[in-house]
């Protein structure tokens, strides 16, 4: 196979470019949230649980684009820190629901300004290159 194929994939592969961008954005948010003891994934999980009623596992998995096994593993550190509680579903004892604890809500409250600051900086970066954050979000939704 010619080496030119390597360059072609490197330069044109949408999957590669999306993954590279996702890693760079994730690192940025991980750094910003580190003083609070959170990763960007944990922040997203806490945010997905910020609702009036305990969430069904499948609802959270869907929002975060995770399978149930990955979600269960990701929940363990948050549950261990007392930020999330896993409850038995009253309607179906085989199912579980997820809810933020008071400590989880407080940490999310403290993390939100950090997220807002980083998010605004990313939007400015996108705009700096004559693009639109709304257009970028729409394009990414097409892919997901």
C-alpha atoms as a PDB file:
ATOM      1  CA  UNK A   1       0.000   0.000   0.000  1.00  0.00           C
ATOM      2  CA  UNK A   2       1.472   3.391  -0.922  1.00  0.00           C
ATOM      3  CA  UNK A   3       2.454   5.823   1.825  1.00  0.00           C
ATOM      4  CA  UNK A   4       0.243   8.433   0.155  1.00  0.00           C
ATOM      5  CA  UNK A   5      -2.766   6.528   1.527  1.00  0.00           C
ATOM      6  CA  UNK A   6      -1.541   7.285   5.058  1.00  0.00           C
ATOM      7  CA  UNK A   7      -1.541  10.995   4.240  1.00  0.00           C
ATOM      8  CA  UNK A   8      -4.929  10.768   2.554  1.00  0.00           C
ATOM      9  CA  UNK A   9      -6.483   9.172   5.652  1.00  0.00           C
ATOM     10  CA  UNK A  10      -4.685  11.603   7.977  1.00  0.00           C
ATOM     11  CA  UNK A  11      -5.907  14.603   6.013  1.00  0.00           C
ATOM     12  CA  UNK A  12      -9.470  13.538   5.165  1.00  0.00           C
ATOM     13  CA  UNK A  13     -10.763  11.023   7.710  1.00  0.00           C
ATOM     14  CA  UNK A  14     -13.715  12.603   9.506  1.00  0.00           C
ATOM     15  CA  UNK A  15     -13.520  10.028  12.286  1.00  0.00           C
ATOM     16  CA  UNK A  16      -9.871  10.867  12.969  1.00  0.00           C
ATOM     17  CA  UNK A  17     -10.529  14.616  12.963  1.00  0.00           C
ATOM     18  CA  UNK A  18     -13.548  14.335  15.266  1.00  0.00           C
ATOM     19  CA  UNK A  19     -11.613  12.106  17.683  1.00  0.00           C
ATOM     20  CA  UNK A  20      -8.636  14.476  17.734  1.00  0.00           C
ATOM     21  CA  UNK A  21     -10.878  17.448  18.367  1.00  0.00           C
ATOM     22  CA  UNK A  22     -12.822  15.563  21.048  1.00  0.00           C
ATOM     23  CA  UNK A  23      -9.605  14.648  22.852  1.00  0.00           C
ATOM     24  CA  UNK A  24      -8.323  18.226  22.737  1.00  0.00           C
ATOM     25  CA  UNK A  25     -11.603  19.635  24.043  1.00  0.00           C
ATOM     26  CA  UNK A  26     -11.796  16.938  26.737  1.00  0.00           C
ATOM     27  CA  UNK A  27      -8.245  17.720  27.902  1.00  0.00           C
ATOM     28  CA  UNK A  28      -9.124  21.406  28.126  1.00  0.00           C
ATOM     29  CA  UNK A  29     -12.169  20.752  30.307  1.00  0.00           C
ATOM     30  CA  UNK A  30     -10.309  18.139  32.376  1.00  0.00           C
ATOM     31  CA  UNK A  31      -7.644  20.737  33.195  1.00  0.00           C
ATOM     32  CA  UNK A  32     -10.221  23.379  34.086  1.00  0.00           C
ATOM     33  CA  UNK A  33     -12.257  21.023  36.297  1.00  0.00           C
ATOM     34  CA  UNK A  34      -9.270  19.348  37.977  1.00  0.00           C
ATOM     35  CA  UNK A  35      -9.227  21.764  40.975  1.00  0.00           C
ATOM     36  CA  UNK A  36     -12.749  20.552  41.770  1.00  0.00           C
ATOM     37  CA  UNK A  37     -11.717  16.905  41.528  1.00  0.00           C
ATOM     38  CA  UNK A  38     -13.792  16.327  38.405  1.00  0.00           C
ATOM     39  CA  UNK A  39     -13.155  15.173  34.873  1.00  0.00           C
ATOM     40  CA  UNK A  40     -15.188  16.476  31.950  1.00  0.00           C
ATOM     41  CA  UNK A  41     -16.990  13.115  31.794  1.00  0.00           C
ATOM     42  CA  UNK A  42     -17.925  13.308  35.460  1.00  0.00           C
ATOM     43  CA  UNK A  43     -19.173  16.865  34.993  1.00  0.00           C
ATOM     44  CA  UNK A  44     -21.348  15.682  32.101  1.00  0.00           C
ATOM     45  CA  UNK A  45     -22.679  12.837  34.215  1.00  0.00           C
ATOM     46  CA  UNK A  46     -23.537  15.138  37.125  1.00  0.00           C
ATOM     47  CA  UNK A  47     -25.211  17.529  34.700  1.00  0.00           C
ATOM     48  CA  UNK A  48     -27.260  14.712  33.152  1.00  0.00           C
ATOM     49  CA  UNK A  49     -28.527  13.837  36.643  1.00  0.00           C
ATOM     50  CA  UNK A  50     -29.545  17.407  37.435  1.00  0.00           C
ATOM     51  CA  UNK A  51     -33.283  16.881  37.137  1.00  0.00           C
ATOM     52  CA  UNK A  52     -36.297  16.961  39.435  1.00  0.00           C
ATOM     53  CA  UNK A  53     -36.714  13.164  39.579  1.00  0.00           C
ATOM     54  CA  UNK A  54     -34.200  10.341  39.674  1.00  0.00           C
ATOM     55  CA  UNK A  55     -33.175   9.340  36.162  1.00  0.00           C
ATOM     56  CA  UNK A  56     -33.489   5.906  34.633  1.00  0.00           C
ATOM     57  CA  UNK A  57     -30.141   4.364  33.748  1.00  0.00           C
ATOM     58  CA  UNK A  58     -31.034   4.131  30.049  1.00  0.00           C
ATOM     59  CA  UNK A  59     -31.937   7.842  29.954  1.00  0.00           C
ATOM     60  CA  UNK A  60     -28.528   8.841  31.280  1.00  0.00           C
ATOM     61  CA  UNK A  61     -26.751   6.349  29.018  1.00  0.00           C
ATOM     62  CA  UNK A  62     -28.579   7.797  26.018  1.00  0.00           C
ATOM     63  CA  UNK A  63     -27.728  11.419  26.887  1.00  0.00           C
ATOM     64  CA  UNK A  64     -24.058  10.530  27.387  1.00  0.00           C
ATOM     65  CA  UNK A  65     -23.883   8.123  24.418  1.00  0.00           C
ATOM     66  CA  UNK A  66     -22.650   5.301  26.687  1.00  0.00           C
ATOM     67  CA  UNK A  67     -23.566   1.680  27.016  1.00  0.00           C
ATOM     68  CA  UNK A  68     -24.873   0.502  30.371  1.00  0.00           C
ATOM     69  CA  UNK A  69     -21.638  -1.243  31.374  1.00  0.00           C
ATOM     70  CA  UNK A  70     -19.562   1.880  30.737  1.00  0.00           C
ATOM     71  CA  UNK A  71     -22.107   4.017  32.578  1.00  0.00           C
ATOM     72  CA  UNK A  72     -22.069   1.690  35.588  1.00  0.00           C
ATOM     73  CA  UNK A  73     -18.261   1.842  35.747  1.00  0.00           C
ATOM     74  CA  UNK A  74     -18.262   5.637  35.386  1.00  0.00           C
ATOM     75  CA  UNK A  75     -20.792   6.001  38.203  1.00  0.00           C
ATOM     76  CA  UNK A  76     -18.727   4.102  40.786  1.00  0.00           C
ATOM     77  CA  UNK A  77     -16.262   6.912  41.629  1.00  0.00           C
ATOM     78  CA  UNK A  78     -19.091   9.455  41.879  1.00  0.00           C
ATOM     79  CA  UNK A  79     -21.116   7.135  44.061  1.00  0.00           C
ATOM     80  CA  UNK A  80     -18.041   6.441  46.189  1.00  0.00           C
ATOM     81  CA  UNK A  81     -17.557  10.178  46.739  1.00  0.00           C
ATOM     82  CA  UNK A  82     -21.179  10.536  47.820  1.00  0.00           C
ATOM     83  CA  UNK A  83     -22.113  12.668  44.802  1.00  0.00           C
ATOM     84  CA  UNK A  84     -24.564  10.234  43.214  1.00  0.00           C
ATOM     85  CA  UNK A  85     -26.892   7.654  44.678  1.00  0.00           C
ATOM     86  CA  UNK A  86     -28.281   4.583  42.944  1.00  0.00           C
ATOM     87  CA  UNK A  87     -31.886   3.875  43.873  1.00  0.00           C
ATOM     88  CA  UNK A  88     -34.185   0.944  43.234  1.00  0.00           C
ATOM     89  CA  UNK A  89     -36.972   1.865  40.813  1.00  0.00           C
ATOM     90  CA  UNK A  90     -40.265   1.714  42.722  1.00  0.00           C
ATOM     91  CA  UNK A  91     -42.197   0.565  39.652  1.00  0.00           C
ATOM     92  CA  UNK A  92     -39.747  -2.218  38.736  1.00  0.00           C
ATOM     93  CA  UNK A  93     -37.440  -3.483  41.478  1.00  0.00           C
ATOM     94  CA  UNK A  94     -35.030  -4.918  38.862  1.00  0.00           C
ATOM     95  CA  UNK A  95     -34.247  -1.470  37.498  1.00  0.00           C
ATOM     96  CA  UNK A  96     -32.147   1.311  38.981  1.00  0.00           C
ATOM     97  CA  UNK A  97     -32.503   5.064  39.011  1.00  0.00           C
ATOM     98  CA  UNK A  98     -29.775   7.648  39.523  1.00  0.00           C
ATOM     99  CA  UNK A  99     -29.942  10.845  41.525  1.00  0.00           C
ATOM    100  CA  UNK A 100     -27.599  13.572  42.660  1.00  0.00           C
ATOM    101  CA  UNK A 101     -26.993  13.868  46.378  1.00  0.00           C
ATOM    102  CA  UNK A 102     -26.846  17.245  48.090  1.00  0.00           C
ATOM    103  CA  UNK A 103     -23.037  17.059  47.793  1.00  0.00           C
ATOM    104  CA  UNK A 104     -23.367  16.287  44.082  1.00  0.00           C
ATOM    105  CA  UNK A 105     -25.633  19.279  43.534  1.00  0.00           C
ATOM    106  CA  UNK A 106     -23.221  21.517  45.434  1.00  0.00           C
ATOM    107  CA  UNK A 107     -20.217  20.333  43.416  1.00  0.00           C
ATOM    108  CA  UNK A 108     -22.158  20.821  40.187  1.00  0.00           C
ATOM    109  CA  UNK A 109     -23.074  24.358  41.328  1.00  0.00           C
ATOM    110  CA  UNK A 110     -19.372  25.103  41.897  1.00  0.00           C
ATOM    111  CA  UNK A 111     -18.330  23.502  38.589  1.00  0.00           C
ATOM    112  CA  UNK A 112     -20.829  25.365  36.425  1.00  0.00           C
ATOM    113  CA  UNK A 113     -18.898  28.684  36.333  1.00  0.00           C
ATOM    114  CA  UNK A 114     -15.760  26.767  35.314  1.00  0.00           C
ATOM    115  CA  UNK A 115     -17.693  25.086  32.494  1.00  0.00           C
ATOM    116  CA  UNK A 116     -19.222  28.404  31.417  1.00  0.00           C
ATOM    117  CA  UNK A 117     -15.796  30.063  31.235  1.00  0.00           C
ATOM    118  CA  UNK A 118     -14.221  27.244  29.204  1.00  0.00           C
ATOM    119  CA  UNK A 119     -17.262  26.890  26.984  1.00  0.00           C
ATOM    120  CA  UNK A 120     -17.276  30.617  26.182  1.00  0.00           C
ATOM    121  CA  UNK A 121     -13.556  30.453  25.352  1.00  0.00           C
ATOM    122  CA  UNK A 122     -14.181  27.567  22.944  1.00  0.00           C
ATOM    123  CA  UNK A 123     -17.022  29.432  21.271  1.00  0.00           C
ATOM    124  CA  UNK A 124     -14.741  32.471  20.830  1.00  0.00           C
ATOM    125  CA  UNK A 125     -12.076  30.204  19.323  1.00  0.00           C
ATOM    126  CA  UNK A 126     -14.558  28.780  16.814  1.00  0.00           C
ATOM    127  CA  UNK A 127     -15.771  32.297  15.940  1.00  0.00           C
ATOM    128  CA  UNK A 128     -12.177  33.499  15.532  1.00  0.00           C
ATOM    129  CA  UNK A 129     -11.892  31.204  12.518  1.00  0.00           C
ATOM    130  CA  UNK A 130     -15.085  32.573  10.947  1.00  0.00           C
ATOM    131  CA  UNK A 131     -17.215  29.650  11.951  1.00  0.00           C
ATOM    132  CA  UNK A 132     -20.344  29.450  14.057  1.00  0.00           C
ATOM    133  CA  UNK A 133     -20.664  27.485  17.300  1.00  0.00           C
ATOM    134  CA  UNK A 134     -24.309  26.809  16.424  1.00  0.00           C
ATOM    135  CA  UNK A 135     -23.296  25.446  13.037  1.00  0.00           C
ATOM    136  CA  UNK A 136     -20.621  23.265  14.634  1.00  0.00           C
ATOM    137  CA  UNK A 137     -23.141  21.845  17.123  1.00  0.00           C
ATOM    138  CA  UNK A 138     -25.611  21.158  14.304  1.00  0.00           C
ATOM    139  CA  UNK A 139     -22.940  19.407  12.242  1.00  0.00           C
ATOM    140  CA  UNK A 140     -21.893  17.267  15.206  1.00  0.00           C
ATOM    141  CA  UNK A 141     -25.539  16.329  15.880  1.00  0.00           C
ATOM    142  CA  UNK A 142     -25.750  15.057  12.304  1.00  0.00           C
ATOM    143  CA  UNK A 143     -22.832  12.726  13.020  1.00  0.00           C
ATOM    144  CA  UNK A 144     -24.287  11.484  16.286  1.00  0.00           C
END
